Amino acid sequence: MTAEMREQVNDAELVDRFQRDPELFTAVYDRYFRDIYLYAAGRLDVQAGEDIAAETFCVAFRDRERFNPERGSLRPWLFGIATNLMARHRRKEARHYRALARVRVEPVPDSHENRVISSVTAERMKPQLVKALAALNQGERDVVMLVSLGQLSHQEVAEALGVSYGTVGSRLSRARKKLHNAIDQEAFHG
């Protein structure tokens, strides 16, 4: 399948093709690897992100015959696999956030004023943010990360996690309230 053909093929056609010819699964990898990697790396770290992204496509390839387009589209399915794989890393993830909350890194000086201000503010807020993320329950953290890092819509998050659209909205609402309450607004605004 040529690069031009991959761009013109929608997900439903792509699924039909790779279920008949496993060699065409590379088009799925080419289309979605970057998104899955960025999501996983953002949740964990670069190395774990690479591992999770690679494992996501191994699992997806292995289970390609079980994919049912009537239950949702390909992108949320892949994000759901990645999220499930990260479940193995949940304790490590929470420990990671707690450790980040204890570490204070000095901002790197930069000549551009706006970048300096942004960097200083971000570094100042980082301990509060990671502590607040660690305090969320896993369902809330999954929803926040899929929306913020994965850039998934509420419907896609629902498909990825196998929950209702309303559950996504309520988890996100609770998480936002908890994050807002946990972050010192005065420190944020200087």
N, C-alpha and C. Protein backbone atom coordinates (compact mmCIF):
# COMPACT_ATOMS: atom_id res chain seq x y z
N MET A 1 0.86 -1.16 0.00
CA MET A 1 0.00 0.00 0.00
C MET A 1 0.91 1.22 0.00
N THR A 2 0.71 2.12 -0.95
CA THR A 2 1.54 3.31 -1.06
C THR A 2 1.14 4.34 -0.02
N ALA A 3 2.04 5.31 0.22
CA ALA A 3 1.74 6.37 1.20
C ALA A 3 0.51 7.15 0.78
N GLU A 4 0.39 7.42 -0.51
CA GLU A 4 -0.76 8.17 -1.01
C GLU A 4 -2.05 7.40 -0.77
N MET A 5 -2.01 6.08 -0.98
CA MET A 5 -3.19 5.24 -0.78
C MET A 5 -3.58 5.23 0.70
N ARG A 6 -2.58 5.18 1.62
CA ARG A 6 -2.85 5.17 3.05
C ARG A 6 -3.61 6.41 3.48
N GLU A 7 -3.26 7.54 2.90
CA GLU A 7 -3.91 8.79 3.27
C GLU A 7 -5.37 8.81 2.82
N GLN A 8 -5.67 8.15 1.70
CA GLN A 8 -7.01 8.17 1.15
C GLN A 8 -7.93 7.13 1.78
N VAL A 9 -7.37 6.13 2.45
CA VAL A 9 -8.15 5.04 3.02
C VAL A 9 -8.62 5.45 4.42
N ASN A 10 -9.93 5.35 4.67
CA ASN A 10 -10.42 5.65 6.02
C ASN A 10 -10.17 4.45 6.92
N ASP A 11 -10.40 4.65 8.21
CA ASP A 11 -10.11 3.59 9.18
C ASP A 11 -10.89 2.31 8.92
N ALA A 12 -12.17 2.43 8.57
CA ALA A 12 -12.99 1.24 8.33
C ALA A 12 -12.42 0.41 7.18
N GLU A 13 -12.03 1.08 6.10
CA GLU A 13 -11.44 0.36 4.96
C GLU A 13 -10.09 -0.23 5.35
N LEU A 14 -9.33 0.52 6.13
CA LEU A 14 -8.02 0.05 6.57
C LEU A 14 -8.16 -1.22 7.41
N VAL A 15 -9.12 -1.24 8.31
CA VAL A 15 -9.36 -2.41 9.15
C VAL A 15 -9.73 -3.60 8.28
N ASP A 16 -10.63 -3.38 7.34
CA ASP A 16 -11.04 -4.46 6.44
C ASP A 16 -9.84 -5.03 5.69
N ARG A 17 -8.98 -4.15 5.23
CA ARG A 17 -7.81 -4.59 4.47
C ARG A 17 -6.80 -5.33 5.34
N PHE A 18 -6.48 -4.81 6.53
CA PHE A 18 -5.46 -5.49 7.33
C PHE A 18 -5.98 -6.78 7.96
N GLN A 19 -7.30 -6.89 8.11
CA GLN A 19 -7.82 -8.16 8.62
C GLN A 19 -7.71 -9.24 7.55
N ARG A 20 -7.74 -8.84 6.28
CA ARG A 20 -7.58 -9.80 5.19
C ARG A 20 -6.11 -10.03 4.85
N ASP A 21 -5.29 -8.97 4.99
CA ASP A 21 -3.86 -9.07 4.66
C ASP A 21 -3.05 -8.44 5.79
N PRO A 22 -2.53 -9.26 6.70
CA PRO A 22 -1.82 -8.74 7.87
C PRO A 22 -0.65 -7.81 7.53
N GLU A 23 -0.07 -7.94 6.37
CA GLU A 23 1.06 -7.07 6.00
C GLU A 23 0.63 -5.61 5.88
N LEU A 24 -0.65 -5.37 5.67
CA LEU A 24 -1.15 -4.00 5.56
C LEU A 24 -1.31 -3.32 6.93
N PHE A 25 -1.07 -4.08 8.01
CA PHE A 25 -1.16 -3.49 9.34
C PHE A 25 -0.13 -2.37 9.53
N THR A 26 0.91 -2.38 8.74
CA THR A 26 1.92 -1.32 8.85
C THR A 26 1.30 0.06 8.62
N ALA A 27 0.22 0.13 7.85
CA ALA A 27 -0.45 1.40 7.62
C ALA A 27 -1.07 1.93 8.92
N VAL A 28 -1.56 1.02 9.76
CA VAL A 28 -2.11 1.42 11.07
C VAL A 28 -0.98 1.98 11.92
N TYR A 29 0.13 1.28 11.93
CA TYR A 29 1.30 1.73 12.68
C TYR A 29 1.75 3.11 12.20
N ASP A 30 1.88 3.26 10.89
CA ASP A 30 2.32 4.54 10.32
C ASP A 30 1.36 5.68 10.68
N ARG A 31 0.08 5.37 10.69
CA ARG A 31 -0.92 6.41 10.92
C ARG A 31 -1.01 6.82 12.40
N TYR A 32 -0.84 5.87 13.33
CA TYR A 32 -1.16 6.15 14.73
C TYR A 32 0.00 6.02 15.73
N PHE A 33 1.13 5.55 15.30
CA PHE A 33 2.22 5.34 16.26
C PHE A 33 2.58 6.62 17.00
N ARG A 34 2.73 7.70 16.28
CA ARG A 34 3.16 8.96 16.92
C ARG A 34 2.18 9.39 18.01
N ASP A 35 0.88 9.31 17.73
CA ASP A 35 -0.13 9.70 18.72
C ASP A 35 -0.05 8.82 19.97
N ILE A 36 0.07 7.53 19.77
CA ILE A 36 0.13 6.59 20.89
C ILE A 36 1.42 6.83 21.68
N TYR A 37 2.52 7.01 20.97
CA TYR A 37 3.80 7.26 21.65
C TYR A 37 3.75 8.54 22.49
N LEU A 38 3.25 9.63 21.92
CA LEU A 38 3.19 10.89 22.66
C LEU A 38 2.31 10.76 23.90
N TYR A 39 1.22 10.05 23.77
CA TYR A 39 0.33 9.83 24.91
C TYR A 39 1.06 9.03 26.00
N ALA A 40 1.66 7.92 25.62
CA ALA A 40 2.33 7.06 26.60
C ALA A 40 3.55 7.75 27.21
N ALA A 41 4.32 8.43 26.40
CA ALA A 41 5.50 9.14 26.92
C ALA A 41 5.08 10.26 27.86
N GLY A 42 3.99 10.91 27.56
CA GLY A 42 3.49 11.96 28.43
C GLY A 42 2.98 11.43 29.76
N ARG A 43 2.43 10.24 29.75
CA ARG A 43 1.93 9.64 30.99
C ARG A 43 3.04 9.04 31.82
N LEU A 44 4.02 8.47 31.16
CA LEU A 44 5.07 7.75 31.88
C LEU A 44 6.39 8.50 31.71
N ASP A 45 7.19 8.06 30.80
CA ASP A 45 8.43 8.73 30.44
C ASP A 45 8.79 8.29 29.03
N VAL A 46 9.86 8.83 28.50
CA VAL A 46 10.20 8.56 27.10
C VAL A 46 10.42 7.07 26.85
N GLN A 47 11.24 6.43 27.68
CA GLN A 47 11.53 5.02 27.47
C GLN A 47 10.28 4.15 27.64
N ALA A 48 9.54 4.39 28.71
CA ALA A 48 8.31 3.62 28.91
C ALA A 48 7.31 3.91 27.80
N GLY A 49 7.30 5.16 27.33
CA GLY A 49 6.42 5.53 26.22
C GLY A 49 6.73 4.75 24.97
N GLU A 50 8.01 4.60 24.69
CA GLU A 50 8.42 3.80 23.52
C GLU A 50 7.98 2.35 23.70
N ASP A 51 8.21 1.82 24.90
CA ASP A 51 7.84 0.43 25.17
C ASP A 51 6.33 0.22 25.06
N ILE A 52 5.57 1.11 25.68
CA ILE A 52 4.10 0.98 25.65
C ILE A 52 3.59 1.13 24.22
N ALA A 53 4.11 2.10 23.48
CA ALA A 53 3.66 2.30 22.10
C ALA A 53 3.95 1.07 21.25
N ALA A 54 5.16 0.54 21.38
CA ALA A 54 5.51 -0.66 20.61
C ALA A 54 4.62 -1.83 21.00
N GLU A 55 4.43 -2.01 22.31
CA GLU A 55 3.60 -3.12 22.78
C GLU A 55 2.15 -2.95 22.36
N THR A 56 1.69 -1.70 22.31
CA THR A 56 0.31 -1.43 21.87
C THR A 56 0.08 -2.00 20.47
N PHE A 57 1.04 -1.76 19.57
CA PHE A 57 0.86 -2.23 18.20
C PHE A 57 1.07 -3.73 18.08
N CYS A 58 1.88 -4.31 18.95
CA CYS A 58 2.01 -5.77 18.98
C CYS A 58 0.68 -6.41 19.40
N VAL A 59 0.08 -5.85 20.45
CA VAL A 59 -1.21 -6.37 20.93
C VAL A 59 -2.28 -6.15 19.86
N ALA A 60 -2.30 -4.96 19.27
CA ALA A 60 -3.31 -4.67 18.24
C ALA A 60 -3.15 -5.62 17.05
N PHE A 61 -1.92 -5.89 16.66
CA PHE A 61 -1.69 -6.81 15.54
C PHE A 61 -2.17 -8.21 15.92
N ARG A 62 -1.79 -8.62 17.12
CA ARG A 62 -2.19 -9.96 17.58
C ARG A 62 -3.72 -10.10 17.63
N ASP A 63 -4.40 -9.02 18.09
CA ASP A 63 -5.85 -9.06 18.26
C ASP A 63 -6.62 -8.43 17.10
N ARG A 64 -5.99 -8.24 15.97
CA ARG A 64 -6.62 -7.51 14.86
C ARG A 64 -7.92 -8.16 14.39
N GLU A 65 -8.03 -9.45 14.50
CA GLU A 65 -9.25 -10.14 14.06
C GLU A 65 -10.42 -9.87 15.01
N ARG A 66 -10.10 -9.49 16.25
CA ARG A 66 -11.16 -9.24 17.24
C ARG A 66 -11.65 -7.80 17.19
N PHE A 67 -10.98 -6.93 16.44
CA PHE A 67 -11.42 -5.54 16.36
C PHE A 67 -12.78 -5.49 15.66
N ASN A 68 -13.72 -4.78 16.28
CA ASN A 68 -15.07 -4.66 15.72
C ASN A 68 -15.37 -3.18 15.51
N PRO A 69 -15.40 -2.71 14.25
CA PRO A 69 -15.65 -1.30 13.98
C PRO A 69 -17.03 -0.81 14.44
N GLU A 70 -17.95 -1.73 14.70
CA GLU A 70 -19.27 -1.33 15.20
C GLU A 70 -19.21 -0.88 16.65
N ARG A 71 -18.16 -1.27 17.38
CA ARG A 71 -18.02 -0.89 18.78
C ARG A 71 -17.23 0.40 18.94
N GLY A 72 -16.66 0.92 17.87
CA GLY A 72 -15.87 2.15 17.94
C GLY A 72 -14.83 2.17 16.83
N SER A 73 -14.13 3.28 16.75
CA SER A 73 -13.16 3.40 15.67
C SER A 73 -11.77 2.95 16.12
N LEU A 74 -10.88 2.90 15.17
CA LEU A 74 -9.54 2.36 15.36
C LEU A 74 -8.71 3.17 16.35
N ARG A 75 -8.73 4.48 16.25
CA ARG A 75 -7.90 5.32 17.11
C ARG A 75 -8.22 5.11 18.60
N PRO A 76 -9.49 5.20 19.02
CA PRO A 76 -9.78 4.94 20.44
C PRO A 76 -9.44 3.51 20.87
N TRP A 77 -9.59 2.56 19.96
CA TRP A 77 -9.24 1.17 20.27
C TRP A 77 -7.77 1.09 20.64
N LEU A 78 -6.92 1.74 19.85
CA LEU A 78 -5.49 1.74 20.12
C LEU A 78 -5.17 2.46 21.43
N PHE A 79 -5.83 3.59 21.67
CA PHE A 79 -5.61 4.30 22.94
C PHE A 79 -6.09 3.46 24.12
N GLY A 80 -7.15 2.70 23.93
CA GLY A 80 -7.63 1.81 24.99
C GLY A 80 -6.61 0.72 25.30
N ILE A 81 -6.01 0.16 24.27
CA ILE A 81 -4.97 -0.85 24.48
C ILE A 81 -3.80 -0.22 25.24
N ALA A 82 -3.38 0.95 24.81
CA ALA A 82 -2.25 1.63 25.48
C ALA A 82 -2.58 1.91 26.94
N THR A 83 -3.80 2.38 27.20
CA THR A 83 -4.20 2.68 28.57
C THR A 83 -4.22 1.41 29.42
N ASN A 84 -4.70 0.33 28.85
CA ASN A 84 -4.70 -0.94 29.58
C ASN A 84 -3.28 -1.43 29.86
N LEU A 85 -2.39 -1.25 28.92
CA LEU A 85 -1.00 -1.64 29.14
C LEU A 85 -0.37 -0.79 30.24
N MET A 86 -0.75 0.47 30.28
CA MET A 86 -0.21 1.35 31.31
C MET A 86 -0.72 0.98 32.70
N ALA A 87 -1.81 0.23 32.76
CA ALA A 87 -2.32 -0.21 34.06
C ALA A 87 -1.26 -1.00 34.81
N ARG A 88 -0.42 -1.69 34.07
CA ARG A 88 0.69 -2.44 34.70
C ARG A 88 1.69 -1.50 35.34
N HIS A 89 1.71 -0.27 34.85
CA HIS A 89 2.67 0.71 35.35
C HIS A 89 2.05 1.69 36.34
N ARG A 90 0.83 1.45 36.77
CA ARG A 90 0.12 2.45 37.59
C ARG A 90 0.83 2.75 38.89
N ARG A 91 1.29 1.74 39.58
CA ARG A 91 2.00 2.02 40.84
C ARG A 91 3.27 2.80 40.55
N LYS A 92 3.95 2.43 39.50
CA LYS A 92 5.17 3.14 39.12
C LYS A 92 4.84 4.58 38.75
N GLU A 93 3.74 4.79 38.05
CA GLU A 93 3.31 6.12 37.64
C GLU A 93 3.02 6.99 38.87
N ALA A 94 2.30 6.46 39.83
CA ALA A 94 1.98 7.22 41.04
C ALA A 94 3.26 7.55 41.80
N ARG A 95 4.17 6.59 41.90
CA ARG A 95 5.47 6.86 42.56
C ARG A 95 6.22 7.93 41.81
N HIS A 96 6.17 7.89 40.49
CA HIS A 96 6.84 8.88 39.65
C HIS A 96 6.30 10.29 39.94
N TYR A 97 4.98 10.43 40.01
CA TYR A 97 4.38 11.74 40.30
C TYR A 97 4.75 12.22 41.70
N ARG A 98 4.74 11.30 42.68
CA ARG A 98 5.13 11.70 44.04
C ARG A 98 6.58 12.16 44.07
N ALA A 99 7.45 11.48 43.35
CA ALA A 99 8.87 11.87 43.31
C ALA A 99 9.03 13.23 42.63
N LEU A 100 8.32 13.44 41.55
CA LEU A 100 8.41 14.75 40.88
C LEU A 100 7.93 15.87 41.78
N ALA A 101 6.93 15.57 42.60
CA ALA A 101 6.41 16.59 43.50
C ALA A 101 7.44 16.99 44.55
N ARG A 102 8.35 16.07 44.89
CA ARG A 102 9.38 16.37 45.88
C ARG A 102 10.58 17.09 45.27
N VAL A 103 10.77 17.00 43.96
CA VAL A 103 11.94 17.57 43.30
C VAL A 103 11.65 18.99 42.86
N ARG A 104 12.55 19.86 43.17
CA ARG A 104 12.45 21.26 42.70
C ARG A 104 13.61 21.48 41.74
N VAL A 105 13.29 21.71 40.50
CA VAL A 105 14.31 21.97 39.48
C VAL A 105 14.35 23.45 39.20
N GLU A 106 15.56 24.01 39.17
CA GLU A 106 15.71 25.43 38.86
C GLU A 106 15.39 25.65 37.39
N PRO A 107 14.67 26.71 37.05
CA PRO A 107 14.37 26.99 35.65
C PRO A 107 15.64 27.28 34.86
N VAL A 108 15.66 26.83 33.64
CA VAL A 108 16.80 27.07 32.76
C VAL A 108 16.67 28.49 32.20
N PRO A 109 17.71 29.32 32.37
CA PRO A 109 17.61 30.69 31.84
C PRO A 109 17.54 30.69 30.32
N ASP A 110 16.80 31.62 29.79
CA ASP A 110 16.61 31.73 28.35
C ASP A 110 16.56 33.21 28.01
N SER A 111 16.98 33.57 26.84
CA SER A 111 17.05 34.98 26.51
C SER A 111 15.69 35.59 26.14
N HIS A 112 14.78 34.81 25.73
CA HIS A 112 13.48 35.32 25.32
C HIS A 112 12.58 35.46 26.55
N GLU A 113 12.11 36.65 26.84
CA GLU A 113 11.38 36.95 28.07
C GLU A 113 10.15 36.07 28.28
N ASN A 114 9.33 35.90 27.27
CA ASN A 114 8.12 35.08 27.43
C ASN A 114 8.44 33.63 27.75
N ARG A 115 9.49 33.11 27.15
CA ARG A 115 9.87 31.73 27.42
C ARG A 115 10.38 31.58 28.84
N VAL A 116 11.07 32.60 29.31
CA VAL A 116 11.56 32.56 30.69
C VAL A 116 10.39 32.58 31.66
N ILE A 117 9.46 33.48 31.45
CA ILE A 117 8.30 33.58 32.34
C ILE A 117 7.52 32.27 32.32
N SER A 118 7.30 31.73 31.15
CA SER A 118 6.57 30.46 31.04
C SER A 118 7.31 29.33 31.74
N SER A 119 8.61 29.29 31.54
CA SER A 119 9.41 28.24 32.16
C SER A 119 9.40 28.35 33.68
N VAL A 120 9.56 29.55 34.18
CA VAL A 120 9.57 29.76 35.63
C VAL A 120 8.21 29.39 36.22
N THR A 121 7.15 29.83 35.58
CA THR A 121 5.80 29.52 36.08
C THR A 121 5.56 28.02 36.04
N ALA A 122 5.93 27.38 34.93
CA ALA A 122 5.71 25.94 34.81
C ALA A 122 6.52 25.18 35.86
N GLU A 123 7.74 25.55 36.06
CA GLU A 123 8.57 24.88 37.06
C GLU A 123 8.03 25.10 38.46
N ARG A 124 7.55 26.30 38.73
CA ARG A 124 7.00 26.61 40.04
C ARG A 124 5.73 25.79 40.30
N MET A 125 4.93 25.57 39.26
CA MET A 125 3.67 24.87 39.41
C MET A 125 3.83 23.34 39.33
N LYS A 126 4.91 22.86 38.78
CA LYS A 126 5.10 21.44 38.54
C LYS A 126 4.89 20.58 39.80
N PRO A 127 5.50 20.94 40.94
CA PRO A 127 5.28 20.09 42.13
C PRO A 127 3.81 20.01 42.54
N GLN A 128 3.11 21.12 42.46
CA GLN A 128 1.68 21.10 42.82
C GLN A 128 0.89 20.28 41.83
N LEU A 129 1.20 20.43 40.55
CA LEU A 129 0.45 19.71 39.52
C LEU A 129 0.66 18.21 39.63
N VAL A 130 1.91 17.78 39.76
CA VAL A 130 2.15 16.34 39.82
C VAL A 130 1.59 15.73 41.11
N LYS A 131 1.62 16.50 42.20
CA LYS A 131 1.02 16.02 43.45
C LYS A 131 -0.50 15.90 43.27
N ALA A 132 -1.09 16.88 42.61
CA ALA A 132 -2.54 16.85 42.36
C ALA A 132 -2.90 15.68 41.44
N LEU A 133 -2.09 15.41 40.42
CA LEU A 133 -2.35 14.28 39.52
C LEU A 133 -2.25 12.96 40.27
N ALA A 134 -1.26 12.86 41.15
CA ALA A 134 -1.09 11.63 41.93
C ALA A 134 -2.28 11.40 42.86
N ALA A 135 -2.93 12.48 43.29
CA ALA A 135 -4.07 12.36 44.22
C ALA A 135 -5.36 11.94 43.51
N LEU A 136 -5.42 12.06 42.19
CA LEU A 136 -6.62 11.64 41.46
C LEU A 136 -6.73 10.12 41.50
N ASN A 137 -7.95 9.60 41.46
CA ASN A 137 -8.06 8.16 41.34
C ASN A 137 -7.69 7.78 39.90
N GLN A 138 -7.44 6.51 39.67
CA GLN A 138 -6.92 6.09 38.37
C GLN A 138 -7.87 6.41 37.23
N GLY A 139 -9.17 6.24 37.43
CA GLY A 139 -10.15 6.55 36.38
C GLY A 139 -10.11 8.01 36.00
N GLU A 140 -10.03 8.89 36.99
CA GLU A 140 -9.95 10.32 36.73
C GLU A 140 -8.65 10.67 36.01
N ARG A 141 -7.54 10.08 36.47
CA ARG A 141 -6.24 10.36 35.85
C ARG A 141 -6.23 9.87 34.40
N ASP A 142 -6.80 8.68 34.14
CA ASP A 142 -6.86 8.17 32.77
C ASP A 142 -7.61 9.14 31.86
N VAL A 143 -8.75 9.63 32.31
CA VAL A 143 -9.57 10.54 31.51
C VAL A 143 -8.81 11.85 31.25
N VAL A 144 -8.22 12.42 32.30
CA VAL A 144 -7.47 13.67 32.14
C VAL A 144 -6.33 13.49 31.15
N MET A 145 -5.60 12.40 31.28
CA MET A 145 -4.44 12.18 30.39
C MET A 145 -4.87 11.88 28.95
N LEU A 146 -5.95 11.14 28.76
CA LEU A 146 -6.41 10.87 27.40
C LEU A 146 -6.89 12.16 26.72
N VAL A 147 -7.53 13.04 27.48
CA VAL A 147 -8.01 14.30 26.92
C VAL A 147 -6.84 15.26 26.69
N SER A 148 -5.97 15.41 27.70
CA SER A 148 -4.91 16.41 27.59
C SER A 148 -3.73 15.95 26.76
N LEU A 149 -3.25 14.74 26.98
CA LEU A 149 -2.09 14.27 26.22
C LEU A 149 -2.47 13.57 24.93
N GLY A 150 -3.51 12.77 24.98
CA GLY A 150 -3.94 12.03 23.80
C GLY A 150 -4.78 12.85 22.84
N GLN A 151 -5.32 13.99 23.33
CA GLN A 151 -6.17 14.86 22.53
C GLN A 151 -7.39 14.10 21.99
N LEU A 152 -7.92 13.17 22.80
CA LEU A 152 -9.11 12.44 22.40
C LEU A 152 -10.35 13.22 22.79
N SER A 153 -11.40 13.06 22.01
CA SER A 153 -12.70 13.66 22.35
C SER A 153 -13.31 12.83 23.48
N HIS A 154 -14.36 13.35 24.09
CA HIS A 154 -15.02 12.61 25.17
C HIS A 154 -15.54 11.27 24.65
N GLN A 155 -16.08 11.24 23.44
CA GLN A 155 -16.58 9.99 22.87
C GLN A 155 -15.43 9.00 22.66
N GLU A 156 -14.29 9.50 22.18
CA GLU A 156 -13.15 8.61 21.97
C GLU A 156 -12.61 8.08 23.30
N VAL A 157 -12.61 8.91 24.33
CA VAL A 157 -12.17 8.46 25.65
C VAL A 157 -13.12 7.36 26.15
N ALA A 158 -14.42 7.57 25.96
CA ALA A 158 -15.40 6.56 26.37
C ALA A 158 -15.12 5.24 25.66
N GLU A 159 -14.84 5.29 24.37
CA GLU A 159 -14.54 4.08 23.61
C GLU A 159 -13.25 3.44 24.10
N ALA A 160 -12.23 4.27 24.33
CA ALA A 160 -10.91 3.76 24.74
C ALA A 160 -10.98 3.06 26.09
N LEU A 161 -11.76 3.60 27.01
CA LEU A 161 -11.83 3.04 28.36
C LEU A 161 -12.98 2.07 28.55
N GLY A 162 -13.87 2.00 27.57
CA GLY A 162 -15.01 1.10 27.69
C GLY A 162 -16.02 1.56 28.74
N VAL A 163 -16.18 2.89 28.84
CA VAL A 163 -17.15 3.47 29.77
C VAL A 163 -18.12 4.34 28.99
N SER A 164 -19.16 4.80 29.65
CA SER A 164 -20.13 5.64 28.96
C SER A 164 -19.60 7.06 28.79
N TYR A 165 -20.19 7.76 27.85
CA TYR A 165 -19.86 9.16 27.60
C TYR A 165 -20.08 10.00 28.86
N GLY A 166 -21.16 9.74 29.56
CA GLY A 166 -21.47 10.46 30.79
C GLY A 166 -20.43 10.22 31.88
N THR A 167 -19.92 9.00 31.95
CA THR A 167 -18.87 8.69 32.93
C THR A 167 -17.63 9.50 32.65
N VAL A 168 -17.29 9.63 31.38
CA VAL A 168 -16.13 10.45 31.00
C VAL A 168 -16.33 11.88 31.48
N GLY A 169 -17.50 12.44 31.21
CA GLY A 169 -17.79 13.81 31.61
C GLY A 169 -17.72 14.00 33.11
N SER A 170 -18.30 13.05 33.86
CA SER A 170 -18.29 13.21 35.33
C SER A 170 -16.90 13.02 35.90
N ARG A 171 -16.12 12.07 35.36
CA ARG A 171 -14.74 11.89 35.84
C ARG A 171 -13.90 13.13 35.54
N LEU A 172 -14.07 13.67 34.34
CA LEU A 172 -13.30 14.85 33.96
C LEU A 172 -13.69 16.05 34.83
N SER A 173 -14.96 16.19 35.08
CA SER A 173 -15.43 17.29 35.92
C SER A 173 -14.87 17.18 37.34
N ARG A 174 -14.95 15.98 37.92
CA ARG A 174 -14.40 15.78 39.27
C ARG A 174 -12.90 16.03 39.28
N ALA A 175 -12.22 15.54 38.27
CA ALA A 175 -10.75 15.71 38.21
C ALA A 175 -10.38 17.18 38.09
N ARG A 176 -11.08 17.90 37.24
CA ARG A 176 -10.79 19.33 37.08
C ARG A 176 -11.00 20.08 38.39
N LYS A 177 -12.07 19.74 39.10
CA LYS A 177 -12.35 20.40 40.38
C LYS A 177 -11.24 20.08 41.38
N LYS A 178 -10.84 18.81 41.44
CA LYS A 178 -9.77 18.42 42.36
C LYS A 178 -8.45 19.12 41.99
N LEU A 179 -8.15 19.17 40.71
CA LEU A 179 -6.91 19.83 40.27
C LEU A 179 -6.95 21.32 40.60
N HIS A 180 -8.08 21.94 40.33
CA HIS A 180 -8.23 23.37 40.62
C HIS A 180 -8.05 23.64 42.11
N ASN A 181 -8.66 22.81 42.94
CA ASN A 181 -8.57 23.00 44.39
C ASN A 181 -7.16 22.71 44.91
N ALA A 182 -6.43 21.81 44.25
CA ALA A 182 -5.11 21.42 44.72
C ALA A 182 -4.02 22.42 44.33
N ILE A 183 -4.27 23.17 43.28
CA ILE A 183 -3.24 24.10 42.79
C ILE A 183 -3.47 25.46 43.40
N ASP A 184 -2.45 25.98 44.02
CA ASP A 184 -2.49 27.30 44.66
C ASP A 184 -2.61 28.36 43.56
N GLN A 185 -3.80 28.94 43.44
CA GLN A 185 -4.05 29.92 42.38
C GLN A 185 -3.17 31.15 42.50
N GLU A 186 -2.84 31.55 43.72
CA GLU A 186 -1.99 32.72 43.91
C GLU A 186 -0.59 32.45 43.36
N ALA A 187 -0.08 31.25 43.60
CA ALA A 187 1.24 30.91 43.06
C ALA A 187 1.21 30.87 41.53
N PHE A 188 0.08 30.41 40.97
CA PHE A 188 -0.04 30.32 39.53
C PHE A 188 -0.03 31.70 38.88
N HIS A 189 -0.75 32.64 39.45
CA HIS A 189 -0.86 33.97 38.88
C HIS A 189 0.25 34.90 39.34
N GLY A 190 1.15 34.41 40.16
CA GLY A 190 2.32 35.19 40.56
C GLY A 190 2.05 36.05 41.71
